[in-house]
């Protein structure tokens, strides 16, 4: 690789232009693969009983949390299910709101 010599102030713009071109050429030669985005993991759905047990609360308390919007409930047919990610988000909000 040839060196770039700058001896006077008048040579600075041309030297910087040449340096930028060399960096661009080098960047084009290096192929860095784009980061792979992992596929979203399917949410695990939990029943009311499983969710209450996991949170160590009663079904009545879970019902109140669902009505107040603290935990998002999903109705599928006549069943009420909770997504694992929604439970984790609710717990995270509780932890951060106490600080």
Protein backbone atom coordinates (compact mmCIF):
# COMPACT_ATOMS: atom_id res chain seq x y z
CA UNK A 1 0.00 0.00 0.00
CA UNK A 2 1.42 3.34 -0.96
CA UNK A 3 1.93 6.00 1.69
CA UNK A 4 0.36 9.44 1.66
CA UNK A 5 2.72 12.31 2.27
CA UNK A 6 1.51 15.78 3.19
CA UNK A 7 4.22 18.43 3.42
CA UNK A 8 2.24 21.66 3.19
CA UNK A 9 -1.20 22.91 4.23
CA UNK A 10 -2.23 23.11 0.60
CA UNK A 11 -1.78 19.33 0.26
CA UNK A 12 -4.12 18.52 3.19
CA UNK A 13 -7.44 18.53 1.24
CA UNK A 14 -6.03 16.36 -1.54
CA UNK A 15 -4.38 14.04 0.99
CA UNK A 16 -7.62 13.65 2.96
CA UNK A 17 -9.55 12.94 -0.23
CA UNK A 18 -7.05 10.26 -1.20
CA UNK A 19 -7.14 8.77 2.31
CA UNK A 20 -10.94 8.66 2.26
CA UNK A 21 -10.87 6.93 -1.13
CA UNK A 22 -8.43 4.32 0.22
CA UNK A 23 -10.68 3.67 3.22
CA UNK A 24 -13.69 3.32 0.92
CA UNK A 25 -11.81 0.89 -1.33
CA UNK A 26 -10.69 -1.12 1.71
CA UNK A 27 -14.23 -1.18 3.08
CA UNK A 28 -15.52 -2.49 -0.26
CA UNK A 29 -12.91 -5.28 -0.26
CA UNK A 30 -13.84 -6.44 3.22
CA UNK A 31 -17.10 -8.29 3.24
CA UNK A 32 -18.64 -8.27 6.67
CA UNK A 33 -21.82 -10.31 6.81
CA UNK A 34 -24.90 -8.53 8.07
CA UNK A 35 -25.85 -9.52 11.59
CA UNK A 36 -28.34 -12.35 11.71
CA UNK A 37 -31.56 -11.47 13.47
CA UNK A 38 -32.85 -14.50 15.33
CA UNK A 39 -36.33 -15.68 14.48
CA UNK A 40 -38.86 -14.69 17.11
CA UNK A 41 -39.53 -17.44 19.58
CA UNK A 42 -43.17 -18.45 19.76
CA UNK A 43 -44.74 -17.27 22.99
CA UNK A 44 -45.69 -19.94 25.46
CA UNK A 45 -49.31 -19.59 26.50
CA UNK A 46 -50.16 -20.30 30.12
CA UNK A 47 -53.53 -20.98 31.68
CA UNK A 48 -54.90 -18.86 34.51
CA UNK A 49 -53.96 -21.55 37.01
CA UNK A 50 -50.38 -21.87 35.67
CA UNK A 51 -49.95 -18.10 35.64
CA UNK A 52 -51.26 -17.67 39.19
CA UNK A 53 -48.97 -20.45 40.41
CA UNK A 54 -45.97 -18.94 38.64
CA UNK A 55 -46.67 -15.51 40.16
CA UNK A 56 -47.56 -17.03 43.54
CA UNK A 57 -50.92 -15.22 43.64
CA UNK A 58 -54.53 -16.33 43.81
CA UNK A 59 -56.83 -16.59 40.80
CA UNK A 60 -58.84 -13.67 42.18
CA UNK A 61 -55.71 -11.48 42.33
CA UNK A 62 -54.77 -12.54 38.81
CA UNK A 63 -58.27 -11.55 37.67
CA UNK A 64 -57.85 -8.11 39.29
CA UNK A 65 -54.43 -7.66 37.67
CA UNK A 66 -55.96 -8.54 34.29
CA UNK A 67 -58.87 -6.10 34.75
CA UNK A 68 -56.54 -3.29 35.85
CA UNK A 69 -54.18 -3.89 32.91
CA UNK A 70 -51.15 -4.91 35.00
CA UNK A 71 -51.05 -8.21 33.12
CA UNK A 72 -52.41 -8.66 29.59
CA UNK A 73 -54.92 -11.50 29.29
CA UNK A 74 -55.69 -13.12 25.94
CA UNK A 75 -59.10 -14.66 25.38
CA UNK A 76 -59.13 -17.60 22.97
CA UNK A 77 -62.64 -18.92 22.68
CA UNK A 78 -63.87 -19.18 26.25
CA UNK A 79 -60.38 -19.65 27.69
CA UNK A 80 -58.20 -16.92 29.18
CA UNK A 81 -54.50 -17.44 28.49
CA UNK A 82 -51.40 -15.42 29.32
CA UNK A 83 -48.28 -15.07 27.22
CA UNK A 84 -44.99 -15.80 28.96
CA UNK A 85 -43.51 -12.58 27.57
CA UNK A 86 -46.43 -10.52 28.94
CA UNK A 87 -45.88 -11.99 32.40
CA UNK A 88 -42.16 -11.21 32.23
CA UNK A 89 -42.90 -7.65 31.07
CA UNK A 90 -45.34 -7.15 33.95
CA UNK A 91 -42.75 -8.41 36.43
CA UNK A 92 -40.09 -6.17 34.89
CA UNK A 93 -42.38 -3.14 35.21
CA UNK A 94 -42.97 -3.95 38.89
CA UNK A 95 -39.23 -4.21 39.54
CA UNK A 96 -38.43 -0.95 37.78
CA UNK A 97 -41.31 1.02 39.29
CA UNK A 98 -40.14 0.33 42.86
CA UNK A 99 -36.76 1.93 42.27
